[in-house]
Amino acid sequence: MKKFGSIICSAILLFALSGNVFAADSENPSDVEGIKAEALNGSVKASWKAATDNTNIAGYQVHYGLNSIGEAFSEYDDFADVGDVLSYTVSDLENGKKYYFSVIAYDAAGNESVNWGIPESSATPSGDLDAPADKIAPQVKSAEALNIEEVKVVFSEEVVLPKDDPQNAFSVENDDDFELLEVSDVKMDEEDKDNTTVILSTDPQEESATYTLTVGIEIKDKAGNSIISGTSDTAMFTGSAEAKEIEDAQGPKITKVETVDSTHVGVSFNEAVVLNIDPSENFQITQSGDPSKTLAVLGVKLGGSSAGVEDAFAVITTAPQEKVKYTVKIVELKDEAGNDPDATASSAEFEGIEGEVTPPDVDDPTPPSDVANFIAKAIMEAEQYVIKLTWQLAADTQDVSAQLLYQSNDKGQKYDMKASLAPTDTQYDVEGLSKGEYWFKLTQKDSAGNESAGVVTKVILAETGPEMIGLVVFSLILGRIVTKKKRQ
């Protein structure tokens, strides 16, 4: 029996906002039958028979836990939404403990099986069990239009594409006019290390059109099992009008070089860069007047640029500099897309600062004054958090050569260099942070190398926002939080 109170309230709210979006389909899928559980080492493989529905089954949930649902209205400890497949391996289980399993089906409108699937099955993982020979065919879990020219297809397990003409193994049909959408290319998704995802290149799709993808028997898993025609070999997706993102073909460029002090140089780039294992190999510094004289690179650390681009600013630790012009050149430094440096902007000059690193200049032992009103404010932009840091400069800033921004992810126990900012900057944006607590410290540094104690501000990011509220409401409608009754 469902938790009517919370679900009905959520349903009323959702219907009030979006109209009778699910009114056309209120019929529940059939109960799932034929549930089996096979014990493995640290995992259990559950399988079941296909459920039926008046429209189409959208997917299944595998519910499991250490307690049986022997009594009506009880619930399992956990569940996994596995998509439209007929088997699933639940991992990270404790060997020697008995786990109970059941499965429910749901359709695209959020209707679910009325009862827990039968029979409730159980299995006890054991370290003595070896994985059985793979005789299960791969299945299509989902398809999604990434943009107007690309479709992502996710399989239930790792798949292998045919060496020749893999695009012929996929067909896409418009459900409205039955016209075929040509698939011109297929490749594995490089971001999926499990090799369960492929990317199709298609002719331009029709916006909001419903397409049916069918996968042929040419697609196999690592064990050589082919897709079974007519059994979990299809998926539906909606056409997109979003333009395909142009691939990054330009290498990193040096946009600015500034001397921080007599042993540090800041290099800004137009985009994020990726350092070698030994980052000192990526930078070569020579005297501009005599290239045979080099300045040793002792270390490199990445941070955010003044434009707010993460890993687009490098702080280079050097041997003590002389008061001469130097040329810094980047060597085999790539961007995140793997592009080599842009030859037209791979080097730049800077003026060295002569001075002893230790002890500090006794003529100027006083560090600059710190800023005032150092504030961190979190805002949402394009469904992502952006931390807006603002501050007021002190009155005596004429001797400040740089402002150094540090970030701590452990509540101030350790700070890492985030960015080197101009002496006149009064704001900085931090992007790309996930939920958590972050501390920021801003110090002032003068030309003699004196650095102030700094001022600290912090911000706590929580996983909230309008989109999360909508997700919770929608998840309740789809029954992601469920209470079923055992079928007698």
Protein backbone atom coordinates (compact mmCIF):
# COMPACT_ATOMS: atom_id res chain seq x y z
CA MET A 1 0.00 0.00 0.00
CA LYS A 2 1.40 3.39 -0.93
CA LYS A 3 2.13 6.32 1.38
CA PHE A 4 -0.93 8.19 0.16
CA GLY A 5 -0.45 11.37 2.22
CA SER A 6 2.90 12.56 0.91
CA ILE A 7 2.41 11.29 -2.60
CA ILE A 8 -1.08 12.78 -3.05
CA CYS A 9 0.11 16.17 -1.75
CA SER A 10 3.05 16.09 -4.12
CA ALA A 11 0.85 14.98 -6.99
CA ILE A 12 -1.61 17.82 -6.37
CA LEU A 13 1.25 20.31 -6.37
CA LEU A 14 2.74 18.93 -9.55
CA PHE A 15 -0.60 18.80 -11.33
CA ALA A 16 -1.36 22.37 -10.29
CA LEU A 17 1.92 23.51 -11.81
CA SER A 18 1.91 21.50 -14.98
CA GLY A 19 -1.68 20.56 -15.75
CA ASN A 20 -2.99 17.04 -16.29
CA VAL A 21 0.35 15.87 -17.61
CA PHE A 22 -0.22 12.26 -16.51
CA ALA A 23 -4.01 12.20 -16.78
CA ALA A 24 -3.99 10.17 -20.00
CA ASP A 25 -2.38 7.14 -18.30
CA SER A 26 -3.37 5.97 -14.82
CA GLU A 27 -3.11 2.21 -15.32
CA ASN A 28 -0.49 0.40 -13.22
CA PRO A 29 2.02 -2.00 -14.76
CA SER A 30 1.64 -5.64 -13.88
CA ASP A 31 3.44 -7.08 -10.88
CA VAL A 32 6.92 -8.43 -11.59
CA GLU A 33 7.26 -12.22 -11.51
CA GLY A 34 9.99 -14.80 -11.78
CA ILE A 35 12.44 -13.02 -9.48
CA LYS A 36 15.70 -14.88 -8.89
CA ALA A 37 18.76 -13.95 -6.85
CA GLU A 38 22.21 -15.44 -7.49
CA ALA A 39 24.90 -15.04 -4.82
CA LEU A 40 28.34 -13.84 -5.91
CA ASN A 41 31.47 -12.59 -4.14
CA GLY A 42 30.39 -9.34 -2.48
CA SER A 43 27.37 -8.99 -4.74
CA VAL A 44 24.09 -10.59 -5.82
CA LYS A 45 22.72 -10.82 -9.35
CA ALA A 46 18.94 -10.36 -9.50
CA SER A 47 16.89 -11.29 -12.57
CA TRP A 48 13.16 -11.28 -13.38
CA LYS A 49 10.56 -11.65 -16.11
CA ALA A 50 9.29 -8.66 -18.08
CA ALA A 51 6.24 -6.88 -16.71
CA THR A 52 3.43 -5.60 -18.96
CA ASP A 53 1.71 -2.23 -19.22
CA ASN A 54 -0.97 -0.57 -21.34
CA THR A 55 1.71 1.77 -22.75
CA ASN A 56 5.33 0.78 -22.22
CA ILE A 57 7.42 -0.25 -19.24
CA ALA A 58 9.88 2.57 -18.56
CA GLY A 59 12.04 0.70 -16.05
CA TYR A 60 12.40 -1.35 -12.90
CA GLN A 61 13.47 -0.80 -9.31
CA VAL A 62 15.38 -3.51 -7.47
CA HIS A 63 14.61 -3.29 -3.73
CA TYR A 64 16.82 -5.17 -1.27
CA GLY A 65 17.83 -5.39 2.37
CA LEU A 66 18.68 -7.63 5.28
CA ASN A 67 15.05 -8.10 6.33
CA SER A 68 12.29 -9.99 4.57
CA ILE A 69 8.97 -8.28 3.83
CA GLY A 70 7.12 -11.07 5.58
CA GLU A 71 4.64 -8.60 6.98
CA ALA A 72 2.36 -6.34 4.94
CA PHE A 73 3.39 -2.70 4.48
CA SER A 74 7.05 -3.28 5.38
CA GLU A 75 9.87 -1.82 3.31
CA TYR A 76 13.34 -2.82 2.16
CA ASP A 77 16.47 -1.01 3.30
CA ASP A 78 17.60 0.19 -0.12
CA PHE A 79 16.80 0.17 -3.82
CA ALA A 80 18.36 0.81 -7.23
CA ASP A 81 16.58 2.29 -10.24
CA VAL A 82 18.09 0.12 -12.97
CA GLY A 83 16.21 1.24 -16.08
CA ASP A 84 14.50 -1.03 -18.60
CA VAL A 85 16.56 -4.21 -18.09
CA LEU A 86 15.74 -7.72 -16.86
CA SER A 87 18.78 -8.32 -14.65
CA TYR A 88 20.98 -6.28 -12.36
CA THR A 89 23.95 -6.99 -10.09
CA VAL A 90 23.83 -5.27 -6.70
CA SER A 91 27.42 -4.63 -5.58
CA ASP A 92 29.17 -3.66 -2.33
CA LEU A 93 27.30 -6.22 -0.24
CA GLU A 94 28.75 -7.88 2.86
CA ASN A 95 29.76 -11.50 2.46
CA GLY A 96 28.12 -13.94 4.85
CA LYS A 97 24.91 -11.95 5.30
CA LYS A 98 21.58 -12.94 3.78
CA TYR A 99 19.91 -10.33 1.56
CA TYR A 100 16.29 -10.30 0.39
CA PHE A 101 15.21 -8.96 -3.03
CA SER A 102 12.05 -7.85 -4.83
CA VAL A 103 11.38 -5.84 -7.99
CA ILE A 104 8.68 -3.38 -9.10
CA ALA A 105 8.02 -1.95 -12.56
CA TYR A 106 7.05 1.61 -13.50
CA ASP A 107 5.89 3.33 -16.70
CA ALA A 108 6.62 6.77 -18.17
CA ALA A 109 3.66 8.32 -16.34
CA GLY A 110 4.97 7.21 -12.95
CA ASN A 111 2.48 4.37 -12.41
CA GLU A 112 3.98 1.43 -10.53
CA SER A 113 3.29 -2.21 -9.89
CA VAL A 114 0.67 -2.43 -7.15
CA ASN A 115 2.41 -5.24 -5.23
CA TRP A 116 5.94 -6.33 -4.57
CA GLY A 117 7.20 -8.71 -7.23
CA ILE A 118 7.15 -12.44 -6.55
CA PRO A 119 8.63 -14.55 -5.35
CA GLU A 120 10.71 -12.60 -2.86
CA SER A 121 14.17 -14.02 -3.43
CA SER A 122 17.19 -14.19 -1.16
CA ALA A 123 20.90 -14.90 -1.49
CA THR A 124 24.02 -14.81 0.70
CA PRO A 125 27.20 -13.38 -0.89
CA SER A 126 30.38 -15.29 -0.14
CA GLY A 127 34.07 -14.82 -0.78
CA ASP A 128 34.23 -18.44 -1.93
CA LEU A 129 31.97 -17.81 -4.90
CA ASP A 130 33.39 -17.08 -8.32
CA ALA A 131 31.54 -15.07 -10.91
CA PRO A 132 29.66 -17.47 -13.21
CA ALA A 133 30.27 -17.59 -16.92
CA ASP A 134 28.56 -14.65 -18.58
CA LYS A 135 25.61 -15.92 -20.59
CA ILE A 136 23.46 -12.79 -20.25
CA ALA A 137 22.95 -10.71 -23.37
CA PRO A 138 23.48 -6.93 -23.16
CA GLN A 139 20.33 -4.83 -22.99
CA VAL A 140 19.50 -1.24 -23.89
CA LYS A 141 18.87 0.75 -20.70
CA SER A 142 18.19 4.23 -22.11
CA ALA A 143 18.66 6.66 -24.99
CA GLU A 144 18.93 10.44 -24.75
CA ALA A 145 19.49 13.21 -27.31
CA LEU A 146 22.59 15.18 -26.28
CA ASN A 147 22.01 17.77 -28.99
CA ILE A 148 20.52 18.03 -32.46
CA GLU A 149 23.19 15.69 -33.92
CA GLU A 150 24.11 13.28 -31.11
CA VAL A 151 22.32 10.57 -29.13
CA LYS A 152 23.68 8.83 -26.02
CA VAL A 153 22.79 5.14 -25.67
CA VAL A 154 23.41 3.34 -22.35
CA PHE A 155 23.64 -0.46 -22.13
CA SER A 156 23.29 -2.77 -19.12
CA GLU A 157 26.93 -3.85 -19.37
CA GLU A 158 30.14 -3.22 -21.28
CA VAL A 159 29.66 -3.59 -25.02
CA VAL A 160 31.94 -3.98 -28.02
CA LEU A 161 31.25 -2.20 -31.30
CA PRO A 162 31.78 -3.92 -34.67
CA LYS A 163 35.08 -2.99 -36.29
CA ASP A 164 33.43 -2.23 -39.63
CA ASP A 165 30.48 0.15 -40.06
CA PRO A 166 29.19 0.09 -36.46
CA GLN A 167 26.54 2.67 -37.42
CA ASN A 168 24.69 -0.07 -39.33
CA ALA A 169 23.88 -1.76 -36.01
CA PHE A 170 21.63 1.14 -34.99
CA SER A 171 18.37 2.35 -36.51
CA VAL A 172 16.35 5.37 -35.41
CA GLU A 173 12.74 5.91 -36.51
CA ASN A 174 10.49 8.94 -36.07
CA ASP A 175 7.34 7.66 -34.33
CA ASP A 176 5.14 10.29 -36.03
CA ASP A 177 5.95 9.74 -39.72
CA PHE A 178 8.03 6.49 -39.50
CA GLU A 179 10.91 8.21 -41.33
CA LEU A 180 14.35 6.83 -40.53
CA LEU A 181 16.90 9.20 -39.01
CA GLU A 182 20.27 8.37 -40.54
CA VAL A 183 23.04 7.32 -38.15
CA SER A 184 26.35 8.37 -39.67
CA ASP A 185 28.82 7.40 -36.95
CA VAL A 186 29.08 5.53 -33.63
CA LYS A 187 31.80 5.76 -31.00
CA MET A 188 32.31 4.72 -27.40
CA ASP A 189 31.79 7.49 -24.84
CA GLU A 190 35.30 8.39 -23.66
CA GLU A 191 33.95 9.69 -20.36
CA ASP A 192 32.43 6.30 -19.47
CA LYS A 193 35.26 4.15 -18.16
CA ASP A 194 32.90 1.16 -17.88
CA ASN A 195 32.32 1.17 -21.66
CA THR A 196 28.56 0.87 -21.28
CA THR A 197 27.77 4.05 -23.23
CA VAL A 198 27.99 4.84 -26.95
CA ILE A 199 27.44 8.11 -28.79
CA LEU A 200 25.55 8.13 -32.11
CA SER A 201 26.04 10.88 -34.70
CA THR A 202 22.80 11.46 -36.60
CA ASP A 203 21.25 13.71 -39.18
CA PRO A 204 19.59 16.79 -37.61
CA GLN A 205 16.74 15.69 -35.36
CA GLU A 206 13.27 17.20 -35.29
CA GLU A 207 12.75 19.15 -32.09
CA SER A 208 10.40 17.43 -29.59
CA ALA A 209 9.77 14.53 -31.97
CA THR A 210 9.62 11.06 -30.40
CA TYR A 211 12.14 8.60 -31.82
CA THR A 212 12.52 4.85 -31.29
CA LEU A 213 16.05 3.47 -31.30
CA THR A 214 16.59 -0.19 -32.18
CA VAL A 215 19.93 -1.94 -31.67
CA GLY A 216 20.94 -4.87 -33.87
CA ILE A 217 22.52 -8.20 -33.00
CA GLU A 218 25.91 -6.89 -34.17
CA ILE A 219 26.33 -5.30 -30.73
CA LYS A 220 27.88 -7.76 -28.27
CA ASP A 221 29.22 -7.77 -24.71
CA LYS A 222 32.78 -8.72 -23.71
CA ALA A 223 31.76 -12.37 -23.43
CA GLY A 224 30.46 -12.39 -27.01
CA ASN A 225 26.76 -12.39 -26.18
CA SER A 226 24.74 -10.52 -28.79
CA ILE A 227 21.79 -8.23 -28.25
CA ILE A 228 18.62 -10.35 -28.48
CA SER A 229 16.21 -9.02 -31.07
CA GLY A 230 12.86 -8.14 -29.55
CA THR A 231 14.14 -8.29 -25.95
CA SER A 232 15.31 -4.99 -24.43
CA ASP A 233 16.83 -3.90 -27.74
CA THR A 234 14.91 -0.62 -28.06
CA ALA A 235 14.63 2.73 -26.30
CA MET A 236 12.72 5.94 -26.91
CA PHE A 237 14.06 9.49 -26.81
CA THR A 238 12.90 13.01 -27.66
CA GLY A 239 14.58 14.98 -30.44
CA SER A 240 16.64 18.02 -29.51
CA ALA A 241 17.18 21.37 -31.20
CA GLU A 242 20.26 22.25 -29.15
CA ALA A 243 23.31 22.95 -31.32
CA LYS A 244 26.27 20.61 -31.02
CA GLU A 245 29.09 22.12 -29.03
CA ILE A 246 32.09 22.94 -31.19
CA GLU A 247 35.06 20.81 -30.20
CA ASP A 248 38.03 22.64 -28.71
CA ALA A 249 40.79 22.60 -31.32
CA GLN A 250 42.81 25.55 -30.00
CA GLY A 251 45.75 25.04 -27.67
CA PRO A 252 46.44 27.07 -24.52
CA LYS A 253 47.82 30.61 -24.85
CA ILE A 254 49.74 32.75 -22.40
CA THR A 255 47.69 35.89 -21.76
CA LYS A 256 49.75 37.50 -19.01
CA VAL A 257 52.95 37.02 -17.00
CA GLU A 258 53.57 38.88 -13.74
CA THR A 259 56.34 38.73 -11.18
CA VAL A 260 54.99 37.94 -7.71
CA ASP A 261 58.33 38.23 -5.88
CA SER A 262 61.98 37.30 -6.38
CA THR A 263 61.20 33.56 -6.45
CA HIS A 264 57.66 33.42 -7.85
CA VAL A 265 56.14 34.19 -11.24
CA GLY A 266 52.46 34.07 -12.15
CA VAL A 267 51.43 32.92 -15.64
CA SER A 268 47.82 33.36 -16.81
CA PHE A 269 46.26 31.30 -19.63
CA ASN A 270 43.17 31.68 -21.79
CA GLU A 271 41.86 28.29 -20.59
CA ALA A 272 42.50 25.51 -18.10
CA VAL A 273 45.76 23.61 -18.58
CA VAL A 274 47.00 20.15 -17.54
CA LEU A 275 50.49 19.77 -16.06
CA ASN A 276 52.88 16.87 -16.61
CA ILE A 277 53.72 14.53 -13.75
CA ASP A 278 56.81 16.71 -13.35
CA PRO A 279 55.31 20.16 -13.97
CA SER A 280 58.71 21.84 -14.09
CA GLU A 281 59.12 20.24 -17.53
CA ASN A 282 56.25 22.39 -18.83
CA PHE A 283 58.06 25.71 -18.32
CA GLN A 284 61.41 26.99 -19.57
CA ILE A 285 62.74 30.34 -18.34
CA THR A 286 65.77 32.03 -19.91
CA GLN A 287 67.23 35.53 -19.84
CA SER A 288 65.86 37.46 -22.81
CA GLY A 289 69.24 39.00 -23.56
CA ASP A 290 71.14 35.73 -23.28
CA PRO A 291 69.04 32.57 -23.86
CA SER A 292 71.95 30.41 -22.71
CA LYS A 293 71.37 31.63 -19.15
CA THR A 294 68.42 29.78 -17.61
CA LEU A 295 66.39 30.34 -14.46
CA ALA A 296 65.62 27.09 -12.67
CA VAL A 297 61.96 26.12 -12.28
CA LEU A 298 61.58 24.56 -8.81
CA GLY A 299 57.85 23.98 -8.70
CA VAL A 300 54.48 24.79 -10.29
CA LYS A 301 51.01 25.08 -8.76
CA LEU A 302 47.73 25.71 -10.60
CA GLY A 303 44.88 27.94 -9.48
CA GLY A 304 42.08 30.09 -10.83
CA SER A 305 42.73 33.00 -13.14
CA SER A 306 41.50 36.54 -12.50
CA ALA A 307 38.71 35.76 -14.99
CA GLY A 308 37.52 32.94 -12.69
CA VAL A 309 38.72 30.04 -14.87
CA GLU A 310 39.91 27.12 -12.75
CA ASP A 311 43.44 25.78 -13.49
CA ALA A 312 44.14 28.69 -15.85
CA PHE A 313 46.76 30.35 -13.63
CA ALA A 314 50.16 28.88 -12.76
CA VAL A 315 52.35 30.04 -9.88
CA ILE A 316 55.94 29.10 -10.76
CA THR A 317 58.54 28.85 -8.01
CA THR A 318 61.95 29.82 -9.40
CA ALA A 319 65.51 30.11 -8.24
CA PRO A 320 66.35 33.66 -7.02
CA GLN A 321 65.90 36.05 -9.93
CA GLU A 322 68.15 38.84 -11.15
CA LYS A 323 66.90 42.26 -12.15
CA VAL A 324 66.83 41.40 -15.88
CA LYS A 325 64.21 40.55 -18.45
CA TYR A 326 63.28 36.90 -18.63
CA THR A 327 61.32 34.90 -21.21
CA VAL A 328 59.06 32.11 -19.99
CA LYS A 329 58.09 29.50 -22.58
CA ILE A 330 55.56 26.70 -22.19
CA VAL A 331 56.71 23.26 -23.33
CA GLU A 332 54.30 20.39 -24.15
CA LEU A 333 51.66 21.97 -21.93
CA LYS A 334 48.24 20.80 -23.04
CA ASP A 335 44.69 21.96 -22.35
CA GLU A 336 41.95 19.68 -21.04
CA ALA A 337 41.08 18.67 -24.63
CA GLY A 338 44.66 17.52 -25.23
CA ASN A 339 45.60 20.37 -27.58
CA ASP A 340 49.23 21.48 -27.77
CA PRO A 341 50.22 25.09 -26.96
CA ASP A 342 49.35 27.78 -29.48
CA ALA A 343 52.70 28.58 -31.14
CA THR A 344 51.73 32.25 -31.53
CA ALA A 345 51.34 32.76 -27.77
CA SER A 346 53.55 30.16 -26.10
CA SER A 347 56.06 32.58 -24.56
CA ALA A 348 56.15 35.97 -22.85
CA GLU A 349 58.57 38.28 -21.06
CA PHE A 350 58.65 39.45 -17.46
CA GLU A 351 60.94 41.61 -15.37
CA GLY A 352 62.87 39.77 -12.68
CA ILE A 353 62.96 41.04 -9.11
CA GLU A 354 66.34 40.91 -7.41
CA GLY A 355 66.32 40.32 -3.69
CA GLU A 356 67.11 37.79 -1.00
CA VAL A 357 64.36 35.41 -0.10
CA THR A 358 65.55 34.90 3.49
CA PRO A 359 65.94 36.87 5.59
CA PRO A 360 63.37 39.43 4.39
CA ASP A 361 64.43 42.96 3.59
CA VAL A 362 65.28 44.52 7.00
CA ASP A 363 64.61 47.95 5.54
CA ASP A 364 60.94 47.04 5.00
CA PRO A 365 59.84 44.41 7.53
CA THR A 366 56.25 45.65 7.69
CA PRO A 367 53.66 43.78 5.63
CA PRO A 368 50.89 45.69 3.82
CA SER A 369 47.54 46.31 5.52
CA ASP A 370 44.80 43.77 4.94
CA VAL A 371 41.58 44.53 3.10
CA ALA A 372 38.26 45.19 4.83
CA ASN A 373 34.77 43.70 4.42
CA PHE A 374 35.97 40.44 2.84
CA ILE A 375 32.64 38.75 1.99
CA ALA A 376 31.73 35.45 0.28
CA LYS A 377 28.26 35.17 -1.25
CA ALA A 378 26.92 32.08 -3.04
CA ILE A 379 24.55 32.58 -5.97
CA MET A 380 23.07 30.22 -8.57
CA GLU A 381 23.97 30.77 -12.22
CA ALA A 382 22.89 28.25 -14.86
CA GLU A 383 22.04 25.76 -12.07
CA GLN A 384 25.62 25.94 -10.73
CA TYR A 385 26.98 27.63 -7.63
CA VAL A 386 29.21 30.68 -8.11
CA ILE A 387 30.98 32.15 -5.06
CA LYS A 388 31.19 35.94 -5.32
CA LEU A 389 34.13 37.23 -3.25
CA THR A 390 34.22 41.01 -2.66
CA TRP A 391 36.34 43.28 -0.47
CA GLN A 392 37.45 46.87 0.14
CA LEU A 393 41.09 47.87 -0.33
CA ALA A 394 43.04 49.46 2.49
CA ALA A 395 44.06 53.11 2.17
CA ASP A 396 47.82 52.41 1.98
CA THR A 397 48.00 50.11 -1.05
CA GLN A 398 50.72 51.90 -2.99
CA ASP A 399 53.35 49.29 -2.01
CA VAL A 400 51.16 46.24 -2.74
CA SER A 401 52.49 44.17 -5.65
CA ALA A 402 49.89 41.38 -5.57
CA GLN A 403 46.89 40.06 -3.69
CA LEU A 404 47.08 36.32 -2.99
CA LEU A 405 43.88 34.29 -2.66
CA TYR A 406 43.96 30.95 -0.85
CA GLN A 407 41.28 28.26 -0.46
CA SER A 408 40.79 25.68 2.30
CA ASN A 409 38.58 22.60 2.04
CA ASP A 410 39.21 21.46 5.64
CA LYS A 411 37.88 24.44 7.65
CA GLY A 412 41.11 26.42 7.66
CA GLN A 413 43.52 23.64 8.60
CA LYS A 414 45.37 23.99 5.30
CA TYR A 415 45.17 26.64 2.61
CA ASP A 416 46.19 26.17 -1.03
CA MET A 417 46.99 28.99 -3.44
CA LYS A 418 43.90 29.76 -5.54
CA ALA A 419 44.91 32.84 -7.56
CA SER A 420 47.26 35.81 -7.71
CA LEU A 421 45.27 39.00 -8.24
CA ALA A 422 46.17 42.50 -9.29
CA PRO A 423 46.72 45.03 -6.46
CA THR A 424 43.60 46.94 -7.52
CA ASP A 425 41.18 43.99 -7.76
CA THR A 426 38.19 44.11 -5.41
CA GLN A 427 36.27 40.99 -6.48
CA TYR A 428 36.78 37.42 -7.67
CA ASP A 429 34.43 34.61 -8.74
CA VAL A 430 35.00 30.98 -7.73
CA GLU A 431 33.21 28.38 -9.83
CA GLY A 432 32.98 24.59 -10.08
CA LEU A 433 32.49 23.84 -6.38
CA SER A 434 30.25 21.05 -5.12
CA LYS A 435 28.33 21.06 -1.84
CA GLY A 436 30.49 21.51 1.24
CA GLU A 437 32.17 24.14 3.43
CA TYR A 438 34.90 26.33 1.93
CA TRP A 439 37.17 28.89 3.59
CA PHE A 440 38.96 31.64 1.67
CA LYS A 441 41.90 33.77 2.80
CA LEU A 442 43.08 36.95 1.05
CA THR A 443 46.55 38.36 1.79
CA GLN A 444 48.49 41.37 0.54
CA LYS A 445 52.09 41.12 -0.65
CA ASP A 446 54.53 43.96 -1.29
CA SER A 447 57.54 44.17 -3.60
CA ALA A 448 59.88 43.31 -0.70
CA GLY A 449 58.16 39.97 -0.26
CA ASN A 450 56.29 40.82 2.95
CA GLU A 451 52.90 39.14 3.12
CA SER A 452 50.09 40.18 5.44
CA ALA A 453 48.36 37.79 7.84
CA GLY A 454 45.28 37.94 5.65
CA VAL A 455 41.55 38.03 6.23
CA VAL A 456 39.28 34.96 6.13
CA THR A 457 35.71 34.36 5.03
CA LYS A 458 33.79 31.13 4.54
CA VAL A 459 30.71 29.81 2.80
CA ILE A 460 28.65 26.60 3.08
CA LEU A 461 27.13 25.19 -0.10
CA ALA A 462 24.10 22.94 0.29
CA GLU A 463 22.44 20.83 -2.40
CA THR A 464 19.37 23.01 -2.64
CA GLY A 465 17.63 25.14 -5.20
CA PRO A 466 14.42 25.19 -7.23
CA GLU A 467 15.55 22.31 -9.38
CA MET A 468 15.95 20.05 -6.34
CA ILE A 469 12.41 20.83 -5.17
CA GLY A 470 11.07 19.85 -8.56
CA LEU A 471 13.13 16.67 -8.46
CA VAL A 472 11.72 15.66 -5.08
CA VAL A 473 8.15 16.25 -6.23
CA PHE A 474 8.71 14.32 -9.42
CA SER A 475 10.43 11.47 -7.58
CA LEU A 476 7.47 11.12 -5.28
CA ILE A 477 5.12 10.86 -8.24
CA LEU A 478 7.30 8.18 -9.79
CA GLY A 479 7.31 6.30 -6.52
CA ARG A 480 11.01 6.51 -5.73
CA ILE A 481 9.93 6.47 -2.09
CA VAL A 482 7.56 3.56 -1.92
CA THR A 483 5.72 1.29 0.44
CA LYS A 484 4.24 -1.82 -1.13
CA LYS A 485 2.15 -4.58 0.20
CA LYS A 486 3.11 -8.18 -0.18
CA ARG A 487 0.93 -10.07 -2.66
CA GLN A 488 -0.78 -12.96 -0.98
